[in-house]
Amino acid sequence: MIKSLIVAAYVIIMLILSIPYLLIIKLCKFLGLKKVYSTLLNSFLIFFCRSAFWLAGVKVEVEGLENLLDRNMIFVGNHQSMVDIPVMLGYIPGIKGFIAKKETKKLPIINWWMEEINCVFLDRHNIRQGMKDMAKAKGLLEEGKSLVIYPEGTRSKSDQMGEFKKGSLKIGVQAGVPIVPVAISGSYKIFEEERKIKKGKVKVKIGEPIFIERLSEEEKKDISQLAYERVKGLLEKIQKP
């Protein structure tokens, strides 16, 4: 419990201290200093996430970085825990937004950073608004932005992986953006298992990209199932003792 309080205090203090830094980042964006903007934004996310994990006694191991492309991508993975998000931000290079539930937009300061990395706040209870949100996500992909999607729709809070929702990756097919499968194992043990932070190890495995233009029409229709099989295969590999 003490460790949880220490990490929580650190995160809160860092978020407060990050406000002037965020303003500088926004200024760089406004002035068109793209390289400086990307460097500052990436540097903060990496430092913040990795330092929080270090303080918590969490070690993150990543395999498959060579599968990342020098362009925008859709990262598709299993979702065991809230810990998955800082893992993706801190250990997989590049600025990437998330398809997040709209409730996260109410989180103070965090929501500012989420907007800065191009997160899309999805309304899962209003079909019409949800379609608009996904259209926005498609637009971001077409602009060259990268996104992270968790097609299970919720955290599993275990080592099990749920089915991927059909249609969740339709925007990837429409935008023609490569889909990169990512499996994360052990993150639920860090927080979700007992609702307190515990030290441990999180394993991440990045698979080979799925190039939309190389798929048949049938495969494009079943893209969620194809991605599910890729992620599940990666997960089984890193869960082996």
C-alpha atoms as a PDB file:
ATOM      1  CA  MET A   1       0.000   0.000   0.000  1.00  0.00           C
ATOM      2  CA  ILE A   2       2.867   2.388   0.816  1.00  0.00           C
ATOM      3  CA  LYS A   3       4.389   1.786  -2.621  1.00  0.00           C
ATOM      4  CA  SER A   4       1.036   2.532  -4.264  1.00  0.00           C
ATOM      5  CA  LEU A   5       0.792   5.834  -2.387  1.00  0.00           C
ATOM      6  CA  ILE A   6       4.353   6.803  -3.315  1.00  0.00           C
ATOM      7  CA  VAL A   7       3.804   6.066  -7.006  1.00  0.00           C
ATOM      8  CA  ALA A   8       0.424   7.851  -6.987  1.00  0.00           C
ATOM      9  CA  ALA A   9       1.995  10.911  -5.339  1.00  0.00           C
ATOM     10  CA  TYR A  10       4.807  10.893  -7.894  1.00  0.00           C
ATOM     11  CA  VAL A  11       2.372  10.728 -10.809  1.00  0.00           C
ATOM     12  CA  ILE A  12       0.256  13.589  -9.424  1.00  0.00           C
ATOM     13  CA  ILE A  13       3.303  15.802  -8.781  1.00  0.00           C
ATOM     14  CA  MET A  14       4.721  15.051 -12.228  1.00  0.00           C
ATOM     15  CA  LEU A  15       1.412  15.875 -13.899  1.00  0.00           C
ATOM     16  CA  ILE A  16       1.218  19.228 -12.125  1.00  0.00           C
ATOM     17  CA  LEU A  17       4.836  20.046 -12.980  1.00  0.00           C
ATOM     18  CA  SER A  18       4.206  19.021 -16.592  1.00  0.00           C
ATOM     19  CA  ILE A  19       1.768  21.874 -17.262  1.00  0.00           C
ATOM     20  CA  PRO A  20       4.389  24.519 -18.206  1.00  0.00           C
ATOM     21  CA  TYR A  21       6.252  21.871 -20.226  1.00  0.00           C
ATOM     22  CA  LEU A  22       3.046  21.098 -22.125  1.00  0.00           C
ATOM     23  CA  LEU A  23       2.604  24.797 -22.882  1.00  0.00           C
ATOM     24  CA  ILE A  24       6.120  24.889 -24.365  1.00  0.00           C
ATOM     25  CA  ILE A  25       5.277  21.841 -26.486  1.00  0.00           C
ATOM     26  CA  LYS A  26       2.090  23.512 -27.727  1.00  0.00           C
ATOM     27  CA  LEU A  27       4.066  26.658 -28.563  1.00  0.00           C
ATOM     28  CA  CYS A  28       6.513  24.607 -30.654  1.00  0.00           C
ATOM     29  CA  LYS A  29       3.557  23.072 -32.469  1.00  0.00           C
ATOM     30  CA  PHE A  30       2.042  26.514 -33.091  1.00  0.00           C
ATOM     31  CA  LEU A  31       5.353  27.814 -34.465  1.00  0.00           C
ATOM     32  CA  GLY A  32       5.651  24.844 -36.813  1.00  0.00           C
ATOM     33  CA  LEU A  33       8.768  23.433 -35.130  1.00  0.00           C
ATOM     34  CA  LYS A  34       7.773  19.852 -35.903  1.00  0.00           C
ATOM     35  CA  LYS A  35      11.066  18.149 -35.045  1.00  0.00           C
ATOM     36  CA  VAL A  36      11.457  20.011 -31.740  1.00  0.00           C
ATOM     37  CA  TYR A  37       7.792  19.371 -30.945  1.00  0.00           C
ATOM     38  CA  SER A  38       8.083  15.609 -31.545  1.00  0.00           C
ATOM     39  CA  THR A  39      11.343  15.352 -29.599  1.00  0.00           C
ATOM     40  CA  LEU A  40       9.995  17.209 -26.560  1.00  0.00           C
ATOM     41  CA  LEU A  41       6.711  15.288 -26.537  1.00  0.00           C
ATOM     42  CA  ASN A  42       8.381  11.898 -26.960  1.00  0.00           C
ATOM     43  CA  SER A  43      11.032  12.654 -24.352  1.00  0.00           C
ATOM     44  CA  PHE A  44       8.470  13.574 -21.718  1.00  0.00           C
ATOM     45  CA  LEU A  45       6.289  10.516 -22.320  1.00  0.00           C
ATOM     46  CA  ILE A  46       9.270   8.150 -22.181  1.00  0.00           C
ATOM     47  CA  PHE A  47      10.744   9.725 -19.044  1.00  0.00           C
ATOM     48  CA  PHE A  48       7.415   9.961 -17.229  1.00  0.00           C
ATOM     49  CA  CYS A  49       6.326   6.385 -17.934  1.00  0.00           C
ATOM     50  CA  ARG A  50       9.697   4.734 -17.387  1.00  0.00           C
ATOM     51  CA  SER A  51      10.448   6.636 -14.187  1.00  0.00           C
ATOM     52  CA  ALA A  52       7.045   5.668 -12.748  1.00  0.00           C
ATOM     53  CA  PHE A  53       7.711   2.007 -13.550  1.00  0.00           C
ATOM     54  CA  TRP A  54      11.198   2.241 -12.010  1.00  0.00           C
ATOM     55  CA  LEU A  55       9.726   3.714  -8.844  1.00  0.00           C
ATOM     56  CA  ALA A  56       7.141   0.913  -8.743  1.00  0.00           C
ATOM     57  CA  GLY A  57       9.791  -1.780  -9.222  1.00  0.00           C
ATOM     58  CA  VAL A  58       8.362  -2.848 -12.574  1.00  0.00           C
ATOM     59  CA  LYS A  59      10.618  -4.170 -15.331  1.00  0.00           C
ATOM     60  CA  VAL A  60       9.399  -4.050 -18.928  1.00  0.00           C
ATOM     61  CA  GLU A  61      10.882  -6.348 -21.584  1.00  0.00           C
ATOM     62  CA  VAL A  62      10.148  -5.652 -25.253  1.00  0.00           C
ATOM     63  CA  GLU A  63      10.758  -7.959 -28.217  1.00  0.00           C
ATOM     64  CA  GLY A  64      10.208  -7.224 -31.892  1.00  0.00           C
ATOM     65  CA  LEU A  65      11.107  -3.536 -32.161  1.00  0.00           C
ATOM     66  CA  GLU A  66      12.599  -4.380 -35.555  1.00  0.00           C
ATOM     67  CA  ASN A  67       9.030  -4.913 -36.819  1.00  0.00           C
ATOM     68  CA  LEU A  68       8.150  -1.235 -36.409  1.00  0.00           C
ATOM     69  CA  LEU A  69       7.816   0.773 -39.610  1.00  0.00           C
ATOM     70  CA  ASP A  70       9.106   4.209 -40.518  1.00  0.00           C
ATOM     71  CA  ARG A  71       5.550   5.472 -41.005  1.00  0.00           C
ATOM     72  CA  ASN A  72       2.261   5.675 -39.137  1.00  0.00           C
ATOM     73  CA  MET A  73       0.699   2.438 -37.898  1.00  0.00           C
ATOM     74  CA  ILE A  74      -2.252   1.017 -36.014  1.00  0.00           C
ATOM     75  CA  PHE A  75      -1.085  -0.895 -32.966  1.00  0.00           C
ATOM     76  CA  VAL A  76      -3.543  -3.637 -32.059  1.00  0.00           C
ATOM     77  CA  GLY A  77      -3.194  -5.578 -28.840  1.00  0.00           C
ATOM     78  CA  ASN A  78      -4.713  -7.395 -25.921  1.00  0.00           C
ATOM     79  CA  HIS A  79      -5.691  -5.268 -22.936  1.00  0.00           C
ATOM     80  CA  GLN A  80      -4.932  -6.752 -19.509  1.00  0.00           C
ATOM     81  CA  SER A  81      -4.619  -3.604 -17.440  1.00  0.00           C
ATOM     82  CA  MET A  82      -4.464   0.197 -17.298  1.00  0.00           C
ATOM     83  CA  VAL A  83      -0.711  -0.389 -17.082  1.00  0.00           C
ATOM     84  CA  ASP A  84      -0.745  -1.306 -20.801  1.00  0.00           C
ATOM     85  CA  ILE A  85      -1.079   2.358 -21.763  1.00  0.00           C
ATOM     86  CA  PRO A  86       2.130   3.682 -20.120  1.00  0.00           C
ATOM     87  CA  VAL A  87       3.894   0.554 -21.401  1.00  0.00           C
ATOM     88  CA  MET A  88       2.957   1.483 -24.976  1.00  0.00           C
ATOM     89  CA  LEU A  89       3.894   5.134 -24.472  1.00  0.00           C
ATOM     90  CA  GLY A  90       7.147   4.557 -22.635  1.00  0.00           C
ATOM     91  CA  TYR A  91       8.628   1.559 -24.415  1.00  0.00           C
ATOM     92  CA  ILE A  92       7.401   1.581 -28.020  1.00  0.00           C
ATOM     93  CA  PRO A  93       8.929   4.501 -29.965  1.00  0.00           C
ATOM     94  CA  GLY A  94       6.847   7.190 -31.611  1.00  0.00           C
ATOM     95  CA  ILE A  95       3.878   9.374 -30.759  1.00  0.00           C
ATOM     96  CA  LYS A  96       0.666   7.400 -30.747  1.00  0.00           C
ATOM     97  CA  GLY A  97      -2.872   8.162 -29.660  1.00  0.00           C
ATOM     98  CA  PHE A  98      -5.408   5.744 -28.188  1.00  0.00           C
ATOM     99  CA  ILE A  99      -9.029   4.973 -28.900  1.00  0.00           C
ATOM    100  CA  ALA A 100     -10.234   5.650 -25.355  1.00  0.00           C
ATOM    101  CA  LYS A 101     -13.626   5.645 -23.686  1.00  0.00           C
ATOM    102  CA  LYS A 102     -15.098   9.145 -23.454  1.00  0.00           C
ATOM    103  CA  GLU A 103     -15.031   9.102 -19.639  1.00  0.00           C
ATOM    104  CA  THR A 104     -11.239   9.522 -19.695  1.00  0.00           C
ATOM    105  CA  LYS A 105     -11.727  13.004 -21.130  1.00  0.00           C
ATOM    106  CA  LYS A 106     -12.756  14.097 -17.622  1.00  0.00           C
ATOM    107  CA  LEU A 107      -9.367  13.211 -16.081  1.00  0.00           C
ATOM    108  CA  PRO A 108      -7.662  16.512 -15.156  1.00  0.00           C
ATOM    109  CA  ILE A 109      -4.319  17.284 -16.848  1.00  0.00           C
ATOM    110  CA  ILE A 110      -4.169  13.728 -18.223  1.00  0.00           C
ATOM    111  CA  ASN A 111      -6.866  14.692 -20.721  1.00  0.00           C
ATOM    112  CA  TRP A 112      -4.681  17.560 -22.001  1.00  0.00           C
ATOM    113  CA  TRP A 113      -1.848  15.148 -22.708  1.00  0.00           C
ATOM    114  CA  MET A 114      -4.269  12.681 -24.294  1.00  0.00           C
ATOM    115  CA  GLU A 115      -5.498  15.363 -26.667  1.00  0.00           C
ATOM    116  CA  GLU A 116      -1.908  16.305 -27.495  1.00  0.00           C
ATOM    117  CA  ILE A 117      -1.041  12.758 -28.610  1.00  0.00           C
ATOM    118  CA  ASN A 118      -4.250  12.591 -30.689  1.00  0.00           C
ATOM    119  CA  CYS A 119      -6.384  10.280 -28.563  1.00  0.00           C
ATOM    120  CA  VAL A 120      -9.958   9.769 -29.723  1.00  0.00           C
ATOM    121  CA  PHE A 121     -12.608   9.735 -27.003  1.00  0.00           C
ATOM    122  CA  LEU A 122     -15.146   7.126 -28.070  1.00  0.00           C
ATOM    123  CA  ASP A 123     -18.774   7.273 -26.995  1.00  0.00           C
ATOM    124  CA  ARG A 124     -19.697   3.603 -26.694  1.00  0.00           C
ATOM    125  CA  HIS A 125     -23.295   4.290 -25.663  1.00  0.00           C
ATOM    126  CA  ASN A 126     -24.344   6.577 -28.516  1.00  0.00           C
ATOM    127  CA  ILE A 127     -24.093   4.815 -31.876  1.00  0.00           C
ATOM    128  CA  ARG A 128     -24.308   7.984 -33.962  1.00  0.00           C
ATOM    129  CA  GLN A 129     -21.656   9.802 -31.917  1.00  0.00           C
ATOM    130  CA  GLY A 130     -19.519   6.674 -31.836  1.00  0.00           C
ATOM    131  CA  MET A 131     -19.537   6.602 -35.649  1.00  0.00           C
ATOM    132  CA  LYS A 132     -18.407  10.244 -35.706  1.00  0.00           C
ATOM    133  CA  ASP A 133     -15.615   9.423 -33.256  1.00  0.00           C
ATOM    134  CA  MET A 134     -14.375   6.563 -35.427  1.00  0.00           C
ATOM    135  CA  ALA A 135     -14.550   8.815 -38.492  1.00  0.00           C
ATOM    136  CA  LYS A 136     -12.280  11.214 -36.599  1.00  0.00           C
ATOM    137  CA  ALA A 137      -9.887   8.332 -35.888  1.00  0.00           C
ATOM    138  CA  LYS A 138      -9.863   7.440 -39.588  1.00  0.00           C
ATOM    139  CA  GLY A 139      -9.063  11.050 -40.404  1.00  0.00           C
ATOM    140  CA  LEU A 140      -6.089  11.013 -38.024  1.00  0.00           C
ATOM    141  CA  LEU A 141      -4.746   7.899 -39.732  1.00  0.00           C
ATOM    142  CA  GLU A 142      -5.108   9.560 -43.127  1.00  0.00           C
ATOM    143  CA  GLU A 143      -3.147  12.537 -41.748  1.00  0.00           C
ATOM    144  CA  GLY A 144      -0.256  10.216 -40.902  1.00  0.00           C
ATOM    145  CA  LYS A 145      -0.915   9.778 -37.179  1.00  0.00           C
ATOM    146  CA  SER A 146      -0.501   6.448 -35.349  1.00  0.00           C
ATOM    147  CA  LEU A 147      -3.186   4.972 -33.107  1.00  0.00           C
ATOM    148  CA  VAL A 148      -3.500   2.182 -30.546  1.00  0.00           C
ATOM    149  CA  ILE A 149      -6.677   0.102 -30.539  1.00  0.00           C
ATOM    150  CA  TYR A 150      -7.737  -2.516 -28.003  1.00  0.00           C
ATOM    151  CA  PRO A 151     -10.439  -4.452 -29.901  1.00  0.00           C
ATOM    152  CA  GLU A 152     -11.508  -6.450 -26.829  1.00  0.00           C
ATOM    153  CA  GLY A 153     -13.286  -3.271 -25.760  1.00  0.00           C
ATOM    154  CA  THR A 154     -12.346  -3.578 -22.092  1.00  0.00           C
ATOM    155  CA  ARG A 155      -9.574  -4.763 -19.789  1.00  0.00           C
ATOM    156  CA  SER A 156      -9.428  -8.513 -19.213  1.00  0.00           C
ATOM    157  CA  LYS A 157      -7.750  -8.046 -15.784  1.00  0.00           C
ATOM    158  CA  SER A 158      -6.241 -11.510 -16.269  1.00  0.00           C
ATOM    159  CA  ASP A 159      -3.911 -13.514 -18.497  1.00  0.00           C
ATOM    160  CA  GLN A 160      -6.864 -14.437 -20.717  1.00  0.00           C
ATOM    161  CA  MET A 161      -7.655 -12.684 -23.980  1.00  0.00           C
ATOM    162  CA  GLY A 162     -11.178 -11.854 -25.104  1.00  0.00           C
ATOM    163  CA  GLU A 163     -12.532 -11.908 -28.640  1.00  0.00           C
ATOM    164  CA  PHE A 164     -11.962  -8.851 -30.821  1.00  0.00           C
ATOM    165  CA  LYS A 165     -15.068  -6.865 -31.667  1.00  0.00           C
ATOM    166  CA  LYS A 166     -16.005  -7.023 -35.336  1.00  0.00           C
ATOM    167  CA  GLY A 167     -15.595  -3.733 -37.125  1.00  0.00           C
ATOM    168  CA  SER A 168     -13.075  -2.406 -34.604  1.00  0.00           C
ATOM    169  CA  LEU A 169     -10.319  -2.352 -37.242  1.00  0.00           C
ATOM    170  CA  LYS A 170     -12.428  -1.237 -40.183  1.00  0.00           C
ATOM    171  CA  ILE A 171     -10.797   2.209 -40.127  1.00  0.00           C
ATOM    172  CA  GLY A 172      -7.415   0.569 -40.693  1.00  0.00           C
ATOM    173  CA  VAL A 173      -8.654  -1.109 -43.850  1.00  0.00           C
ATOM    174  CA  GLN A 174     -10.331   2.084 -45.067  1.00  0.00           C
ATOM    175  CA  ALA A 175      -7.230   4.208 -44.432  1.00  0.00           C
ATOM    176  CA  GLY A 176      -4.853   1.546 -45.764  1.00  0.00           C
ATOM    177  CA  VAL A 177      -2.612   1.809 -42.699  1.00  0.00           C
ATOM    178  CA  PRO A 178      -0.465  -1.192 -41.642  1.00  0.00           C
ATOM    179  CA  ILE A 179      -1.693  -2.998 -38.537  1.00  0.00           C
ATOM    180  CA  VAL A 180       0.978  -4.011 -36.032  1.00  0.00           C
ATOM    181  CA  PRO A 181      -0.013  -6.759 -33.547  1.00  0.00           C
ATOM    182  CA  VAL A 182       1.260  -6.292 -29.988  1.00  0.00           C
ATOM    183  CA  ALA A 183       0.898  -8.750 -27.099  1.00  0.00           C
ATOM    184  CA  ILE A 184       1.354  -7.694 -23.475  1.00  0.00           C
ATOM    185  CA  SER A 185       1.679 -10.217 -20.656  1.00  0.00           C
ATOM    186  CA  GLY A 186       1.851  -9.718 -16.899  1.00  0.00           C
ATOM    187  CA  SER A 187       0.508  -6.178 -16.697  1.00  0.00           C
ATOM    188  CA  TYR A 188      -2.622  -7.242 -14.813  1.00  0.00           C
ATOM    189  CA  LYS A 189      -0.428  -8.501 -11.964  1.00  0.00           C
ATOM    190  CA  ILE A 190       1.078  -5.050 -11.493  1.00  0.00           C
ATOM    191  CA  PHE A 191      -2.211  -3.391 -10.561  1.00  0.00           C
ATOM    192  CA  GLU A 192      -5.504  -5.033 -11.534  1.00  0.00           C
ATOM    193  CA  GLU A 193      -5.068  -8.245  -9.542  1.00  0.00           C
ATOM    194  CA  GLU A 194      -5.181  -6.628  -6.082  1.00  0.00           C
ATOM    195  CA  ARG A 195      -5.958  -2.987  -6.931  1.00  0.00           C
ATOM    196  CA  LYS A 196      -2.603  -1.929  -5.565  1.00  0.00           C
ATOM    197  CA  ILE A 197       0.720  -1.499  -7.310  1.00  0.00           C
ATOM    198  CA  LYS A 198       3.105  -4.443  -7.107  1.00  0.00           C
ATOM    199  CA  LYS A 199       6.579  -4.877  -8.497  1.00  0.00           C
ATOM    200  CA  GLY A 200       6.976  -7.399 -11.281  1.00  0.00           C
ATOM    201  CA  LYS A 201       7.752  -7.917 -14.946  1.00  0.00           C
ATOM    202  CA  VAL A 202       5.733  -7.008 -18.014  1.00  0.00           C
ATOM    203  CA  LYS A 203       6.558  -8.709 -21.308  1.00  0.00           C
ATOM    204  CA  VAL A 204       5.773  -7.141 -24.666  1.00  0.00           C
ATOM    205  CA  LYS A 205       6.074  -8.809 -28.063  1.00  0.00           C
ATOM    206  CA  ILE A 206       5.608  -6.902 -31.315  1.00  0.00           C
ATOM    207  CA  GLY A 207       4.671  -8.948 -34.358  1.00  0.00           C
ATOM    208  CA  GLU A 208       5.163  -8.429 -38.077  1.00  0.00           C
ATOM    209  CA  PRO A 209       2.908  -5.780 -39.643  1.00  0.00           C
ATOM    210  CA  ILE A 210      -0.235  -6.706 -41.531  1.00  0.00           C
ATOM    211  CA  PHE A 211      -0.159  -4.766 -44.806  1.00  0.00           C
ATOM    212  CA  ILE A 212      -3.701  -4.016 -45.957  1.00  0.00           C
ATOM    213  CA  GLU A 213      -2.812  -3.878 -49.657  1.00  0.00           C
ATOM    214  CA  ARG A 214      -1.541  -7.467 -49.500  1.00  0.00           C
ATOM    215  CA  LEU A 215      -4.793  -8.874 -48.139  1.00  0.00           C
ATOM    216  CA  SER A 216      -7.570 -10.490 -50.140  1.00  0.00           C
ATOM    217  CA  GLU A 217     -11.057  -8.971 -49.987  1.00  0.00           C
ATOM    218  CA  GLU A 218     -12.117 -11.823 -47.701  1.00  0.00           C
ATOM    219  CA  GLU A 219      -9.214 -11.168 -45.334  1.00  0.00           C
ATOM    220  CA  LYS A 220     -10.078  -7.474 -45.247  1.00  0.00           C
ATOM    221  CA  LYS A 221     -13.623  -8.346 -44.192  1.00  0.00           C
ATOM    222  CA  ASP A 222     -12.273 -10.579 -41.413  1.00  0.00           C
ATOM    223  CA  ILE A 223      -9.444  -8.239 -40.397  1.00  0.00           C
ATOM    224  CA  SER A 224     -10.469  -8.337 -36.712  1.00  0.00           C
ATOM    225  CA  GLN A 225     -10.194 -12.130 -36.660  1.00  0.00           C
ATOM    226  CA  LEU A 226      -6.858 -12.048 -38.483  1.00  0.00           C
ATOM    227  CA  ALA A 227      -5.472  -9.525 -35.987  1.00  0.00           C
ATOM    228  CA  TYR A 228      -6.889 -11.562 -33.094  1.00  0.00           C
ATOM    229  CA  GLU A 229      -5.057 -14.679 -34.261  1.00  0.00           C
ATOM    230  CA  ARG A 230      -1.786 -12.753 -34.647  1.00  0.00           C
ATOM    231  CA  VAL A 231      -1.992 -11.190 -31.181  1.00  0.00           C
ATOM    232  CA  LYS A 232      -3.085 -14.451 -29.554  1.00  0.00           C
ATOM    233  CA  GLY A 233      -0.137 -16.250 -31.158  1.00  0.00           C
ATOM    234  CA  LEU A 234       2.280 -13.646 -29.791  1.00  0.00           C
ATOM    235  CA  LEU A 235       0.682 -13.809 -26.353  1.00  0.00           C
ATOM    236  CA  GLU A 236       1.017 -17.582 -26.188  1.00  0.00           C
ATOM    237  CA  LYS A 237       4.721 -17.289 -27.009  1.00  0.00           C
ATOM    238  CA  ILE A 238       5.547 -14.838 -24.225  1.00  0.00           C
ATOM    239  CA  GLN A 239       3.389 -16.650 -21.673  1.00  0.00           C
ATOM    240  CA  LYS A 240       5.416 -19.819 -22.049  1.00  0.00           C
ATOM    241  CA  PRO A 241       7.641 -20.402 -18.978  1.00  0.00           C
END
